[in-house]
Amino acid sequence: MIESIHGHDVMHMIADAKRTFSKAGLVSEIHQKFGEIARFHTCSAENMSAGELVDFLIARGKLAGDPLALTLDPAEICQH
């Protein structure tokens, strides 16, 4: 069984990088760090692929910008 990774771990990875990502580049970076078959969950969603997680984070306002230059404000990472 594939372990589910919390979206907070991905958000911390983005914050630690201190740079922008294209949407495709971010998905690729997530695959490199967590594996291409990794599944992700958040406080309100589960069983997402890397691409679905990125879309979720954009929809929730956690990632801002456009598909070529996404950024994350570390204050957007909930601390629970």
N, C-alpha and C. Protein backbone atom coordinates (compact mmCIF):
# COMPACT_ATOMS: atom_id res chain seq x y z
N MET A 1 0.84 -1.18 0.00
CA MET A 1 0.00 0.00 0.00
C MET A 1 0.89 1.25 0.00
N ILE A 2 0.49 2.24 -0.76
CA ILE A 2 1.23 3.49 -0.86
C ILE A 2 0.85 4.40 0.29
N GLU A 3 1.86 4.91 0.99
CA GLU A 3 1.61 5.83 2.09
C GLU A 3 1.20 7.18 1.53
N SER A 4 0.23 7.81 2.16
CA SER A 4 -0.22 9.14 1.75
C SER A 4 0.62 10.20 2.46
N ILE A 5 1.02 11.20 1.71
CA ILE A 5 1.86 12.29 2.21
C ILE A 5 1.00 13.52 2.39
N HIS A 6 1.17 14.20 3.51
CA HIS A 6 0.35 15.39 3.78
C HIS A 6 0.81 16.54 2.90
N GLY A 7 -0.13 17.31 2.42
CA GLY A 7 0.17 18.48 1.60
C GLY A 7 1.09 19.47 2.29
N HIS A 8 1.08 19.48 3.62
CA HIS A 8 2.00 20.37 4.37
C HIS A 8 3.45 20.07 4.01
N ASP A 9 3.77 18.79 3.81
CA ASP A 9 5.14 18.41 3.47
C ASP A 9 5.54 19.02 2.12
N VAL A 10 4.61 19.03 1.19
CA VAL A 10 4.88 19.63 -0.13
C VAL A 10 4.99 21.15 0.01
N MET A 11 4.12 21.75 0.81
CA MET A 11 4.18 23.19 0.99
C MET A 11 5.49 23.61 1.66
N HIS A 12 5.97 22.83 2.60
CA HIS A 12 7.27 23.13 3.22
C HIS A 12 8.40 22.99 2.19
N MET A 13 8.31 22.00 1.32
CA MET A 13 9.30 21.84 0.26
C MET A 13 9.34 23.09 -0.63
N ILE A 14 8.16 23.60 -0.98
CA ILE A 14 8.07 24.79 -1.83
C ILE A 14 8.65 26.00 -1.09
N ALA A 15 8.25 26.18 0.18
CA ALA A 15 8.73 27.32 0.96
C ALA A 15 10.25 27.27 1.13
N ASP A 16 10.79 26.09 1.38
CA ASP A 16 12.23 25.94 1.57
C ASP A 16 13.02 26.26 0.30
N ALA A 17 12.40 26.05 -0.86
CA ALA A 17 13.08 26.31 -2.13
C ALA A 17 13.28 27.81 -2.38
N LYS A 18 12.41 28.63 -1.80
CA LYS A 18 12.51 30.10 -1.92
C LYS A 18 12.64 30.55 -3.38
N ARG A 19 11.79 29.97 -4.23
CA ARG A 19 11.77 30.36 -5.65
C ARG A 19 10.39 30.07 -6.21
N THR A 20 10.16 30.55 -7.40
CA THR A 20 8.91 30.26 -8.07
C THR A 20 9.04 28.94 -8.83
N PHE A 21 7.91 28.35 -9.12
CA PHE A 21 7.85 27.12 -9.90
C PHE A 21 6.81 27.29 -11.00
N SER A 22 7.07 26.73 -12.15
CA SER A 22 5.98 26.56 -13.11
C SER A 22 5.14 25.41 -12.58
N LYS A 23 3.90 25.33 -13.01
CA LYS A 23 3.04 24.24 -12.54
C LYS A 23 3.66 22.89 -12.91
N ALA A 24 4.08 22.75 -14.14
CA ALA A 24 4.69 21.49 -14.58
C ALA A 24 5.99 21.21 -13.83
N GLY A 25 6.78 22.25 -13.61
CA GLY A 25 8.03 22.09 -12.88
C GLY A 25 7.80 21.67 -11.44
N LEU A 26 6.75 22.22 -10.83
CA LEU A 26 6.43 21.85 -9.46
C LEU A 26 5.99 20.40 -9.37
N VAL A 27 5.15 19.97 -10.28
CA VAL A 27 4.73 18.56 -10.29
C VAL A 27 5.95 17.66 -10.47
N SER A 28 6.85 18.04 -11.36
CA SER A 28 8.07 17.26 -11.57
C SER A 28 8.92 17.21 -10.31
N GLU A 29 9.06 18.35 -9.63
CA GLU A 29 9.85 18.40 -8.39
C GLU A 29 9.22 17.53 -7.30
N ILE A 30 7.90 17.54 -7.22
CA ILE A 30 7.19 16.69 -6.25
C ILE A 30 7.45 15.22 -6.56
N HIS A 31 7.39 14.87 -7.85
CA HIS A 31 7.67 13.49 -8.25
C HIS A 31 9.09 13.09 -7.87
N GLN A 32 10.04 14.00 -8.07
CA GLN A 32 11.44 13.69 -7.73
C GLN A 32 11.61 13.46 -6.24
N LYS A 33 10.96 14.29 -5.43
CA LYS A 33 11.14 14.20 -3.98
C LYS A 33 10.35 13.05 -3.35
N PHE A 34 9.11 12.86 -3.79
CA PHE A 34 8.22 11.91 -3.12
C PHE A 34 7.90 10.66 -3.95
N GLY A 35 8.29 10.65 -5.22
CA GLY A 35 8.02 9.51 -6.09
C GLY A 35 6.82 9.77 -7.00
N GLU A 36 6.87 9.19 -8.17
CA GLU A 36 5.83 9.44 -9.17
C GLU A 36 4.49 8.82 -8.82
N ILE A 37 4.50 7.79 -7.98
CA ILE A 37 3.22 7.17 -7.63
C ILE A 37 2.70 7.61 -6.26
N ALA A 38 3.38 8.57 -5.65
CA ALA A 38 2.96 9.04 -4.33
C ALA A 38 1.53 9.60 -4.39
N ARG A 39 0.84 9.44 -3.29
CA ARG A 39 -0.51 10.00 -3.14
C ARG A 39 -0.45 11.00 -2.00
N PHE A 40 -1.33 11.99 -2.06
CA PHE A 40 -1.28 13.10 -1.11
C PHE A 40 -2.65 13.34 -0.50
N HIS A 41 -2.62 13.91 0.71
CA HIS A 41 -3.86 14.29 1.39
C HIS A 41 -3.64 15.63 2.07
N THR A 42 -4.75 16.27 2.41
CA THR A 42 -4.73 17.52 3.17
C THR A 42 -5.76 17.36 4.28
N CYS A 43 -6.01 18.45 4.97
CA CYS A 43 -6.99 18.41 6.05
C CYS A 43 -8.39 18.12 5.52
N SER A 44 -8.63 18.41 4.24
CA SER A 44 -9.99 18.27 3.72
C SER A 44 -10.10 17.44 2.43
N ALA A 45 -9.01 16.84 1.98
CA ALA A 45 -9.06 16.03 0.75
C ALA A 45 -8.05 14.90 0.88
N GLU A 46 -8.26 13.85 0.10
CA GLU A 46 -7.34 12.72 0.16
C GLU A 46 -7.21 12.04 -1.19
N ASN A 47 -6.21 11.16 -1.27
CA ASN A 47 -5.96 10.32 -2.45
C ASN A 47 -5.75 11.15 -3.71
N MET A 48 -4.92 12.20 -3.61
CA MET A 48 -4.63 13.06 -4.76
C MET A 48 -3.27 12.71 -5.35
N SER A 49 -3.17 12.86 -6.66
CA SER A 49 -1.87 12.78 -7.33
C SER A 49 -1.15 14.10 -7.10
N ALA A 50 0.10 14.19 -7.52
CA ALA A 50 0.86 15.44 -7.38
C ALA A 50 0.16 16.57 -8.14
N GLY A 51 -0.28 16.29 -9.35
CA GLY A 51 -0.97 17.31 -10.15
C GLY A 51 -2.27 17.75 -9.50
N GLU A 52 -3.01 16.80 -8.96
CA GLU A 52 -4.27 17.14 -8.27
C GLU A 52 -3.99 17.97 -7.02
N LEU A 53 -2.92 17.64 -6.30
CA LEU A 53 -2.56 18.42 -5.12
C LEU A 53 -2.21 19.85 -5.51
N VAL A 54 -1.43 20.04 -6.56
CA VAL A 54 -1.08 21.39 -7.00
C VAL A 54 -2.34 22.16 -7.37
N ASP A 55 -3.24 21.53 -8.12
CA ASP A 55 -4.51 22.19 -8.46
C ASP A 55 -5.30 22.55 -7.21
N PHE A 56 -5.32 21.66 -6.23
CA PHE A 56 -6.01 21.90 -4.97
C PHE A 56 -5.40 23.09 -4.25
N LEU A 57 -4.08 23.15 -4.17
CA LEU A 57 -3.41 24.25 -3.48
C LEU A 57 -3.65 25.59 -4.18
N ILE A 58 -3.72 25.57 -5.50
CA ILE A 58 -4.05 26.78 -6.26
C ILE A 58 -5.48 27.21 -5.95
N ALA A 59 -6.42 26.26 -6.01
CA ALA A 59 -7.83 26.57 -5.76
C ALA A 59 -8.06 27.11 -4.36
N ARG A 60 -7.29 26.65 -3.40
CA ARG A 60 -7.43 27.09 -2.00
C ARG A 60 -6.66 28.38 -1.71
N GLY A 61 -5.97 28.91 -2.72
CA GLY A 61 -5.22 30.14 -2.53
C GLY A 61 -3.90 29.97 -1.81
N LYS A 62 -3.45 28.73 -1.66
CA LYS A 62 -2.17 28.47 -1.00
C LYS A 62 -1.01 28.80 -1.94
N LEU A 63 -1.20 28.56 -3.22
CA LEU A 63 -0.23 28.92 -4.25
C LEU A 63 -0.82 30.08 -5.05
N ALA A 64 0.00 31.07 -5.32
CA ALA A 64 -0.46 32.24 -6.07
C ALA A 64 0.41 32.43 -7.30
N GLY A 65 -0.08 33.23 -8.21
CA GLY A 65 0.64 33.53 -9.43
C GLY A 65 -0.07 32.95 -10.62
N ASP A 66 0.70 32.52 -11.59
CA ASP A 66 0.12 31.90 -12.78
C ASP A 66 0.85 30.58 -13.04
N PRO A 67 0.38 29.78 -14.01
CA PRO A 67 0.98 28.47 -14.22
C PRO A 67 2.48 28.48 -14.53
N LEU A 68 3.02 29.64 -14.90
CA LEU A 68 4.45 29.71 -15.20
C LEU A 68 5.28 30.22 -14.02
N ALA A 69 4.63 30.77 -13.00
CA ALA A 69 5.37 31.33 -11.86
C ALA A 69 4.52 31.27 -10.60
N LEU A 70 4.44 30.09 -10.01
CA LEU A 70 3.67 29.90 -8.77
C LEU A 70 4.57 30.17 -7.57
N THR A 71 4.00 30.84 -6.57
CA THR A 71 4.73 31.11 -5.33
C THR A 71 3.87 30.69 -4.15
N LEU A 72 4.51 30.54 -3.02
CA LEU A 72 3.82 30.17 -1.79
C LEU A 72 4.23 31.15 -0.70
N ASP A 73 3.24 31.70 -0.02
CA ASP A 73 3.50 32.51 1.17
C ASP A 73 3.54 31.53 2.33
N PRO A 74 4.68 31.39 3.03
CA PRO A 74 4.77 30.43 4.14
C PRO A 74 3.66 30.62 5.19
N ALA A 75 3.11 31.79 5.30
CA ALA A 75 2.02 32.03 6.26
C ALA A 75 0.76 31.24 5.88
N GLU A 76 0.70 30.78 4.64
CA GLU A 76 -0.46 30.00 4.18
C GLU A 76 -0.42 28.55 4.65
N ILE A 77 0.68 28.11 5.24
CA ILE A 77 0.79 26.74 5.73
C ILE A 77 0.17 26.69 7.12
N CYS A 78 -0.93 25.97 7.26
CA CYS A 78 -1.55 25.89 8.59
C CYS A 78 -0.64 25.11 9.52
N GLN A 79 -0.71 25.43 10.79
CA GLN A 79 0.25 24.90 11.76
C GLN A 79 -0.38 23.92 12.76
N HIS A 80 -1.12 22.98 12.27
CA HIS A 80 -1.72 22.01 13.21
C HIS A 80 -1.17 20.64 12.99
